[in-house]
Amino acid sequence: MHDLMDGETMQIQGSASKPYTIKNVSGVYSCSCPAWRNQSLPIDQRTCKHLRLVRGDDAETARLGNVLAPAPRSAPRAVAPPLLLAEAWDGDADPTGYWMSEKLDGIRAYWDGTHFQTRNGNRIFAPDWFTAGLPLVPLDGELWLGRKQFQRTVSIVRRQDQSDLWRAIRFCIFDAPGEEGGFESRLNVVRLIIEMNEPPYAVAHPHTRCDGAEHLSAELDRILDMGGEGLMLRRPRSAYVFGRSDSLLKVKKFHDAEAVVVGHEPGRGRHRGRLGALLVEMSDGTRFAVGTGLTDAQRGLPPAIGSTVTFRYQELSDGGVPRFPSFVGVRTDAAFTFTPTNEGGSSMPVVSSKRRFEFVGGTSDKFWEVDVAGNEVVVRFGRNGTDGQTVVKTLPDDQAARRHADKLVREKVGKGYVEIT
């Protein structure tokens, strides 16, 4: 029997005229034969007679023996752990005094005292030797292999065969959810656990006090230059809470750009009766809404349609739409302007296709919005009276985007959301 090393490829003659190719990529074994390709299982849970012929039945059984069979419909669904989730930093909040740490490009892992869980509540099957030294108390952290190594990290963690490839991963701990006190107190508990237990594959994630916006910008540039993803900010003395909170902020590189105002979207919740967002168009024809960074005065007397505004954003989506745009100001010294047009060539302001839904009842007071821009579906959601969070999904084409948006709308209506017209 021959076992393929990581990255090795070999060919084996089957029933077809051409030989089949079997591979081992980060512990995921594959075969080009139809029997392997047509299985309705995740790629790391498939096998075939050619893999068994090369590796042996015992090796394949050992590789797949820990893989859980699909749960019956009556089985209880995984329960998500009570994680603190981050909001996006809008570039305006003063970061002075916050605790900075590198935003790791790994897999969020919640140690419940006995095993790891993903943020969705699915169990992570780490080897016993990997978890040695971890305490019987909850810990929040990231399974991290290194910068720009996310896909390889996923391939190792999802295998569930507890292989030696785990030795390259570290559990970077940044909080102790079950401990009392503010963040500084909980971080000291993490450091004490590392010092006393000496877990071989766990480390306390380093944090640095931020001296201000310039310090934050310099640290962000340093991390990005090394191939990192960004930074996280923790409010000093903040409690660990379940769900999204502005006590934890994710920071990515911001860029400045300009656009022309082509429409005004009405506000909801706290902003009802005044501007909710500016509908703007960039020089390449890209249109989107800017709803953050505006003062109450600007919402009461918004920038005029046709005026040029400056906005700040983190990055562009695959479709070229700025992510997390934040209003900066009106350009009164713009050297040139362009006339926004709709598909018919008219220079009249366009009306947004955005649809808004709200769910109000009991302790719930939240909104959900969806808009289709070409082949992208833009979803914004959150508590009424806040700017919420924005998620952009790119589909293969315009029709697929509309179908996806319609599906999302049906799901929301089925959950009791009511459309606001």
Protein backbone atom coordinates (compact mmCIF):
# COMPACT_ATOMS: atom_id res chain seq x y z
CA MET A 1 0.00 0.00 0.00
CA HIS A 2 1.13 3.54 -0.72
CA ASP A 3 -0.01 6.67 1.11
CA LEU A 4 0.21 9.95 -0.76
CA MET A 5 2.19 12.71 0.88
CA ASP A 6 0.67 16.18 1.12
CA GLY A 7 0.69 17.64 -2.42
CA GLU A 8 1.47 14.31 -4.09
CA THR A 9 -0.41 13.16 -7.21
CA MET A 10 -0.47 9.75 -8.86
CA GLN A 11 -2.41 8.01 -11.62
CA ILE A 12 -4.18 4.67 -11.52
CA GLN A 13 -5.79 2.74 -14.33
CA GLY A 14 -9.51 2.16 -13.94
CA SER A 15 -12.28 1.04 -16.26
CA ALA A 16 -11.87 4.06 -18.53
CA SER A 17 -9.34 4.27 -21.34
CA LYS A 18 -7.45 7.05 -19.58
CA PRO A 19 -6.07 6.60 -16.05
CA TYR A 20 -7.68 8.37 -13.11
CA THR A 21 -5.76 10.92 -11.04
CA ILE A 22 -5.75 10.76 -7.26
CA LYS A 23 -4.39 13.59 -5.09
CA ASN A 24 -3.70 14.58 -1.51
CA VAL A 25 -4.10 18.34 -0.96
CA SER A 26 -3.69 19.29 2.70
CA GLY A 27 -5.17 15.95 3.75
CA VAL A 28 -8.14 16.08 1.36
CA TYR A 29 -7.92 12.99 -0.87
CA SER A 30 -9.61 13.11 -4.27
CA CYS A 31 -9.99 11.01 -7.38
CA SER A 32 -11.02 12.04 -10.89
CA CYS A 33 -13.26 8.98 -11.33
CA PRO A 34 -17.06 9.49 -11.67
CA ALA A 35 -17.76 7.53 -8.48
CA TRP A 36 -15.81 10.07 -6.40
CA ARG A 37 -16.99 13.16 -8.32
CA ASN A 38 -20.70 12.33 -8.18
CA GLN A 39 -21.00 11.72 -4.44
CA SER A 40 -23.29 14.15 -2.59
CA LEU A 41 -20.85 14.52 0.30
CA PRO A 42 -18.30 17.18 1.25
CA ILE A 43 -15.06 16.60 -0.63
CA ASP A 44 -13.18 15.65 2.54
CA GLN A 45 -15.71 12.88 3.30
CA ARG A 46 -15.59 11.07 -0.06
CA THR A 47 -13.77 7.90 -1.03
CA CYS A 48 -13.78 5.39 -3.88
CA LYS A 49 -12.37 1.98 -4.79
CA HIS A 50 -9.28 3.57 -6.34
CA LEU A 51 -8.37 5.43 -3.14
CA ARG A 52 -8.98 2.25 -1.15
CA LEU A 53 -6.83 0.27 -3.58
CA VAL A 54 -3.91 2.69 -3.23
CA ARG A 55 -4.19 3.59 0.48
CA GLY A 56 -5.80 0.42 1.77
CA ASP A 57 -9.18 -0.14 3.42
CA ASP A 58 -7.80 0.37 6.93
CA ALA A 59 -6.28 3.77 6.07
CA GLU A 60 -9.45 5.00 4.38
CA THR A 61 -11.64 3.71 7.22
CA ALA A 62 -9.40 5.45 9.73
CA ARG A 63 -9.53 8.67 7.71
CA LEU A 64 -13.32 8.68 7.44
CA GLY A 65 -14.19 6.90 10.66
CA ASN A 66 -14.57 10.10 12.71
CA VAL A 67 -16.71 11.84 10.12
CA LEU A 68 -20.21 12.27 11.45
CA ALA A 69 -23.04 10.82 9.38
CA PRO A 70 -25.69 13.31 8.27
CA ALA A 71 -27.92 14.07 11.21
CA PRO A 72 -31.53 12.88 10.96
CA ARG A 73 -34.11 15.58 10.54
CA SER A 74 -35.30 15.04 14.09
CA ALA A 75 -31.82 15.69 15.54
CA PRO A 76 -31.43 18.98 17.41
CA ARG A 77 -29.67 21.75 15.53
CA ALA A 78 -26.30 23.03 16.70
CA VAL A 79 -26.58 25.83 19.25
CA ALA A 80 -24.27 28.76 18.62
CA PRO A 81 -22.01 29.64 21.56
CA PRO A 82 -22.55 33.02 23.28
CA LEU A 83 -19.88 34.91 21.35
CA LEU A 84 -19.14 38.62 21.35
CA LEU A 85 -19.29 39.78 17.70
CA ALA A 86 -17.66 42.89 16.25
CA GLU A 87 -19.08 45.96 14.60
CA ALA A 88 -17.14 47.70 11.81
CA TRP A 89 -15.19 50.81 12.77
CA ASP A 90 -16.59 53.75 10.80
CA GLY A 91 -13.39 55.80 10.90
CA ASP A 92 -14.97 58.54 13.02
CA ALA A 93 -14.96 57.10 16.56
CA ASP A 94 -11.89 58.14 18.59
CA PRO A 95 -9.77 54.98 19.15
CA THR A 96 -7.66 56.51 21.94
CA GLY A 97 -7.43 54.14 24.90
CA TYR A 98 -8.79 51.14 23.03
CA TRP A 99 -6.84 47.87 23.01
CA MET A 100 -5.46 47.00 19.56
CA SER A 101 -4.72 43.51 18.28
CA GLU A 102 -4.16 41.96 14.87
CA LYS A 103 -7.29 40.67 13.16
CA LEU A 104 -6.40 37.04 12.53
CA ASP A 105 -7.39 35.35 9.30
CA GLY A 106 -8.28 32.01 10.86
CA ILE A 107 -11.25 30.12 12.28
CA ARG A 108 -13.08 31.60 15.28
CA ALA A 109 -13.09 28.93 17.98
CA TYR A 110 -14.92 28.82 21.31
CA TRP A 111 -13.40 26.47 23.90
CA ASP A 112 -16.27 25.43 26.20
CA GLY A 113 -14.02 23.68 28.70
CA THR A 114 -14.04 20.29 26.97
CA HIS A 115 -13.96 20.87 23.20
CA PHE A 116 -13.95 23.54 20.48
CA GLN A 117 -17.02 24.94 18.73
CA THR A 118 -17.34 27.13 15.67
CA ARG A 119 -19.32 30.37 15.89
CA ASN A 120 -22.30 28.41 14.52
CA GLY A 121 -22.10 25.80 17.25
CA ASN A 122 -20.55 22.95 15.23
CA ARG A 123 -17.95 20.88 17.02
CA ILE A 124 -14.30 21.08 15.96
CA PHE A 125 -12.51 17.75 16.41
CA ALA A 126 -9.07 18.80 17.59
CA PRO A 127 -6.55 16.13 18.72
CA ASP A 128 -6.31 15.50 22.46
CA TRP A 129 -2.64 16.47 22.42
CA PHE A 130 -3.61 19.81 20.83
CA THR A 131 -6.06 20.67 23.64
CA ALA A 132 -3.73 19.48 26.43
CA GLY A 133 -3.33 22.16 29.09
CA LEU A 134 -6.51 24.05 28.23
CA PRO A 135 -8.62 24.74 31.34
CA LEU A 136 -12.17 23.67 32.19
CA VAL A 137 -13.41 27.24 31.62
CA PRO A 138 -14.62 28.96 28.43
CA LEU A 139 -12.07 30.67 26.20
CA ASP A 140 -12.59 32.71 23.04
CA GLY A 141 -9.96 32.74 20.33
CA GLU A 142 -8.87 31.87 16.82
CA LEU A 143 -7.37 28.73 15.31
CA TRP A 144 -4.61 30.33 13.27
CA LEU A 145 -1.93 28.97 10.97
CA GLY A 146 -0.46 32.24 9.71
CA ARG A 147 -1.15 35.22 7.49
CA LYS A 148 -2.74 34.39 4.14
CA GLN A 149 -3.21 30.78 5.26
CA PHE A 150 -6.97 30.75 5.76
CA GLN A 151 -7.81 28.08 3.17
CA ARG A 152 -5.13 25.72 4.46
CA THR A 153 -6.35 26.28 8.02
CA VAL A 154 -9.89 25.35 6.96
CA SER A 155 -8.68 22.22 5.16
CA ILE A 156 -6.86 21.01 8.29
CA VAL A 157 -9.58 21.82 10.81
CA ARG A 158 -12.49 20.39 8.81
CA ARG A 159 -10.83 17.00 8.23
CA GLN A 160 -11.85 15.65 11.66
CA ASP A 161 -9.13 12.98 11.50
CA GLN A 162 -7.00 14.68 14.19
CA SER A 163 -3.88 14.47 12.04
CA ASP A 164 -0.39 15.76 12.77
CA LEU A 165 -1.11 18.73 10.49
CA TRP A 166 -2.70 20.33 13.58
CA ARG A 167 0.83 20.84 14.97
CA ALA A 168 1.23 23.89 12.70
CA ILE A 169 -1.89 25.58 14.16
CA ARG A 170 -2.06 27.73 17.28
CA PHE A 171 -5.09 28.58 19.40
CA CYS A 172 -4.69 32.34 19.84
CA ILE A 173 -6.79 33.28 22.88
CA PHE A 174 -8.11 36.83 23.18
CA ASP A 175 -10.81 36.58 25.86
CA ALA A 176 -12.20 34.54 28.76
CA PRO A 177 -16.01 34.91 28.46
CA GLY A 178 -16.85 33.25 31.77
CA GLU A 179 -14.72 35.55 33.92
CA GLU A 180 -16.03 38.61 35.75
CA GLY A 181 -14.73 42.14 35.27
CA GLY A 182 -13.71 44.29 32.33
CA PHE A 183 -11.60 43.29 29.36
CA GLU A 184 -8.29 43.99 31.08
CA SER A 185 -9.21 41.65 33.95
CA ARG A 186 -10.26 38.87 31.57
CA LEU A 187 -7.09 39.28 29.49
CA ASN A 188 -5.02 38.89 32.66
CA VAL A 189 -6.87 35.63 33.33
CA VAL A 190 -5.90 34.41 29.85
CA ARG A 191 -2.25 35.25 30.46
CA LEU A 192 -2.35 33.53 33.84
CA ILE A 193 -3.83 30.38 32.28
CA ILE A 194 -1.03 30.30 29.70
CA GLU A 195 1.61 30.87 32.36
CA MET A 196 0.34 28.22 34.78
CA ASN A 197 -0.96 25.51 32.43
CA GLU A 198 1.60 25.93 29.63
CA PRO A 199 -0.64 24.52 26.88
CA PRO A 200 1.73 23.59 24.04
CA TYR A 201 -0.48 24.87 21.22
CA ALA A 202 -2.17 27.87 22.80
CA VAL A 203 -0.96 31.46 23.19
CA ALA A 204 -2.37 34.69 24.60
CA HIS A 205 -3.06 37.01 21.68
CA PRO A 206 -1.04 40.23 22.20
CA HIS A 207 -2.83 43.57 22.69
CA THR A 208 -1.46 47.13 22.65
CA ARG A 209 -3.06 50.29 24.03
CA CYS A 210 -3.92 52.73 21.22
CA ASP A 211 -2.57 56.29 21.61
CA GLY A 212 -4.86 57.80 18.97
CA ALA A 213 -5.81 57.84 15.29
CA GLU A 214 -2.22 58.23 14.07
CA HIS A 215 -1.06 55.30 16.20
CA LEU A 216 -3.96 53.19 14.86
CA SER A 217 -3.12 54.10 11.26
CA ALA A 218 0.57 53.28 11.70
CA GLU A 219 -0.19 49.94 13.33
CA LEU A 220 -2.71 49.09 10.62
CA ASP A 221 -0.14 49.86 7.91
CA ARG A 222 2.44 47.69 9.71
CA ILE A 223 0.07 44.71 9.86
CA LEU A 224 -1.02 45.12 6.25
CA ASP A 225 2.60 45.34 5.07
CA MET A 226 3.21 41.93 6.68
CA GLY A 227 0.24 40.42 4.85
CA GLY A 228 -2.23 40.75 7.72
CA GLU A 229 -5.94 41.43 7.36
CA GLY A 230 -6.52 44.34 9.71
CA LEU A 231 -6.95 45.22 13.38
CA MET A 232 -9.44 44.70 16.19
CA LEU A 233 -10.26 47.37 18.78
CA ARG A 234 -11.55 46.56 22.27
CA ARG A 235 -13.10 49.22 24.43
CA PRO A 236 -11.28 49.47 27.78
CA ARG A 237 -13.08 47.93 30.78
CA SER A 238 -15.81 46.58 28.50
CA ALA A 239 -17.91 43.58 29.48
CA TYR A 240 -18.19 40.40 27.42
CA VAL A 241 -21.69 40.40 25.91
CA PHE A 242 -23.52 38.00 23.59
CA GLY A 243 -24.07 39.34 20.07
CA ARG A 244 -22.80 42.35 18.16
CA SER A 245 -21.45 45.22 20.19
CA ASP A 246 -19.54 48.41 19.45
CA SER A 247 -17.22 47.51 22.34
CA LEU A 248 -15.44 45.32 19.77
CA LEU A 249 -14.58 46.93 16.41
CA LYS A 250 -12.89 45.52 13.34
CA VAL A 251 -10.63 47.92 11.46
CA LYS A 252 -9.55 47.66 7.84
CA LYS A 253 -7.85 50.11 5.53
CA PHE A 254 -10.01 53.05 4.51
CA HIS A 255 -9.86 54.81 1.16
CA ASP A 256 -11.27 58.18 0.13
CA ALA A 257 -13.28 58.71 -3.05
CA GLU A 258 -15.85 61.05 -4.56
CA ALA A 259 -19.34 60.58 -5.95
CA VAL A 260 -22.31 62.66 -7.08
CA VAL A 261 -25.56 62.66 -5.12
CA VAL A 262 -28.37 61.28 -7.31
CA GLY A 263 -31.08 60.69 -4.71
CA HIS A 264 -32.19 60.92 -1.07
CA GLU A 265 -33.46 57.88 0.79
CA PRO A 266 -35.90 58.54 3.66
CA GLY A 267 -34.84 57.66 7.18
CA ARG A 268 -36.44 55.05 9.45
CA GLY A 269 -36.57 54.59 13.18
CA ARG A 270 -34.59 57.36 14.88
CA HIS A 271 -34.13 59.11 11.53
CA ARG A 272 -37.77 58.94 10.49
CA GLY A 273 -38.82 62.21 8.84
CA ARG A 274 -35.33 63.13 7.65
CA LEU A 275 -32.55 61.72 5.47
CA GLY A 276 -31.69 58.07 5.93
CA ALA A 277 -28.98 57.74 3.29
CA LEU A 278 -27.55 59.43 0.22
CA LEU A 279 -27.87 57.57 -3.05
CA VAL A 280 -24.67 58.37 -4.94
CA GLU A 281 -23.01 57.53 -8.23
CA MET A 282 -19.30 57.28 -8.97
CA SER A 283 -17.72 58.36 -12.26
CA ASP A 284 -17.75 54.74 -13.53
CA GLY A 285 -21.54 54.54 -13.04
CA THR A 286 -21.47 52.51 -9.82
CA ARG A 287 -24.37 53.42 -7.54
CA PHE A 288 -24.81 52.71 -3.84
CA ALA A 289 -26.11 54.25 -0.63
CA VAL A 290 -24.08 56.16 1.98
CA GLY A 291 -25.88 56.16 5.33
CA THR A 292 -23.15 56.54 7.95
CA GLY A 293 -21.02 59.52 8.92
CA LEU A 294 -23.88 62.02 8.53
CA THR A 295 -24.69 64.40 11.39
CA ASP A 296 -28.24 65.11 12.51
CA ALA A 297 -27.94 68.56 10.92
CA GLN A 298 -26.88 67.05 7.59
CA ARG A 299 -29.77 64.60 7.74
CA GLY A 300 -32.14 67.52 8.27
CA LEU A 301 -30.63 69.53 5.41
CA PRO A 302 -28.87 66.96 3.20
CA PRO A 303 -26.42 67.68 0.37
CA ALA A 304 -28.29 68.69 -2.77
CA ILE A 305 -28.85 66.30 -5.63
CA GLY A 306 -26.08 66.90 -8.15
CA SER A 307 -23.51 67.94 -5.53
CA THR A 308 -20.17 66.15 -5.24
CA VAL A 309 -19.42 64.47 -1.91
CA THR A 310 -16.38 62.75 -0.46
CA PHE A 311 -16.80 59.41 1.27
CA ARG A 312 -14.54 56.89 2.95
CA TYR A 313 -14.68 53.12 2.46
CA GLN A 314 -12.75 50.01 3.43
CA GLU A 315 -12.51 48.05 0.18
CA LEU A 316 -14.29 47.31 -3.09
CA SER A 317 -16.48 44.26 -3.56
CA ASP A 318 -15.88 41.94 -6.51
CA GLY A 319 -18.43 44.01 -8.41
CA GLY A 320 -16.67 47.29 -7.65
CA VAL A 321 -19.09 48.54 -4.97
CA PRO A 322 -17.42 50.30 -1.99
CA ARG A 323 -17.89 48.39 1.27
CA PHE A 324 -18.84 50.25 4.46
CA PRO A 325 -18.98 53.72 2.87
CA SER A 326 -19.00 56.63 5.33
CA PHE A 327 -19.84 60.25 4.46
CA VAL A 328 -16.97 62.74 4.91
CA GLY A 329 -18.23 66.02 3.43
CA VAL A 330 -19.42 68.02 0.44
CA ARG A 331 -16.80 69.05 -2.13
CA THR A 332 -17.24 72.75 -2.81
CA ASP A 333 -13.93 73.00 -4.70
CA ALA A 334 -14.40 70.12 -7.11
CA ALA A 335 -12.47 70.78 -10.32
CA PHE A 336 -14.98 68.92 -12.44
CA THR A 337 -18.33 67.22 -12.19
CA PHE A 338 -20.18 64.66 -14.25
CA THR A 339 -23.87 64.22 -14.89
CA PRO A 340 -25.29 61.00 -13.45
CA THR A 341 -27.62 59.22 -15.85
CA ASN A 342 -29.96 56.29 -15.64
CA GLU A 343 -30.28 53.60 -18.28
CA GLY A 344 -32.63 55.74 -20.37
CA GLY A 345 -30.11 58.57 -20.53
CA SER A 346 -32.13 60.96 -18.36
CA SER A 347 -30.26 63.15 -15.90
CA MET A 348 -33.15 63.03 -13.45
CA PRO A 349 -32.45 61.55 -10.00
CA VAL A 350 -33.18 57.84 -9.82
CA VAL A 351 -35.36 56.10 -7.29
CA SER A 352 -33.65 53.38 -5.28
CA SER A 353 -34.89 49.79 -5.75
CA LYS A 354 -34.20 49.08 -2.12
CA ARG A 355 -36.90 47.25 -0.14
CA ARG A 356 -37.16 47.63 3.62
CA PHE A 357 -38.75 45.29 6.15
CA GLU A 358 -39.18 45.70 9.90
CA PHE A 359 -39.90 43.35 12.76
CA VAL A 360 -41.26 45.03 15.88
CA GLY A 361 -42.66 43.06 18.79
CA GLY A 362 -41.71 42.09 22.32
CA THR A 363 -38.05 43.04 22.75
CA SER A 364 -37.45 43.09 18.99
CA ASP A 365 -37.20 46.36 17.05
CA LYS A 366 -35.12 45.68 13.97
CA PHE A 367 -34.97 46.29 10.24
CA TRP A 368 -33.77 44.41 7.17
CA GLU A 369 -33.16 45.96 3.74
CA VAL A 370 -32.28 44.41 0.40
CA ASP A 371 -31.21 46.04 -2.86
CA VAL A 372 -30.10 44.56 -6.18
CA ALA A 373 -27.31 46.39 -8.03
CA GLY A 374 -26.49 44.49 -11.21
CA ASN A 375 -25.26 41.06 -10.17
CA GLU A 376 -24.84 42.08 -6.52
CA VAL A 377 -27.32 41.77 -3.67
CA VAL A 378 -26.76 44.35 -0.94
CA VAL A 379 -28.33 43.56 2.44
CA ARG A 380 -28.38 45.96 5.40
CA PHE A 381 -29.78 44.95 8.78
CA GLY A 382 -29.73 45.94 12.43
CA ARG A 383 -31.70 47.63 15.20
CA ASN A 384 -34.07 50.42 14.23
CA GLY A 385 -32.41 53.76 14.83
CA THR A 386 -28.94 52.47 13.95
CA ASP A 387 -27.04 52.30 10.65
CA GLY A 388 -26.80 48.52 10.98
CA GLN A 389 -24.44 46.21 9.14
CA THR A 390 -24.03 45.80 5.37
CA VAL A 391 -23.35 42.54 3.54
CA VAL A 392 -22.73 42.32 -0.22
CA LYS A 393 -23.13 39.04 -2.14
CA THR A 394 -21.98 38.73 -5.75
CA LEU A 395 -23.97 36.39 -8.02
CA PRO A 396 -23.11 35.08 -11.51
CA ASP A 397 -25.51 37.46 -13.29
CA ASP A 398 -28.37 39.95 -12.82
CA GLN A 399 -31.10 37.31 -12.95
CA ALA A 400 -29.38 35.18 -10.33
CA ALA A 401 -29.09 38.26 -8.11
CA ARG A 402 -32.81 38.99 -8.40
CA ARG A 403 -33.72 35.38 -7.67
CA HIS A 404 -31.48 35.40 -4.61
CA ALA A 405 -33.02 38.65 -3.36
CA ASP A 406 -36.54 37.27 -3.85
CA LYS A 407 -35.60 34.17 -1.88
CA LEU A 408 -34.29 36.29 0.98
CA VAL A 409 -37.47 38.37 1.00
CA ARG A 410 -39.66 35.25 1.21
CA GLU A 411 -37.60 34.01 4.15
CA LYS A 412 -37.94 37.31 6.02
CA VAL A 413 -41.68 37.53 5.41
CA GLY A 414 -42.01 33.97 6.65
CA LYS A 415 -40.32 35.02 9.89
CA GLY A 416 -42.81 37.83 10.47
CA TYR A 417 -41.06 40.83 8.91
CA VAL A 418 -43.40 43.45 7.43
CA GLU A 419 -42.46 45.51 4.37
CA ILE A 420 -42.34 49.28 4.88
CA THR A 421 -43.41 51.26 1.82
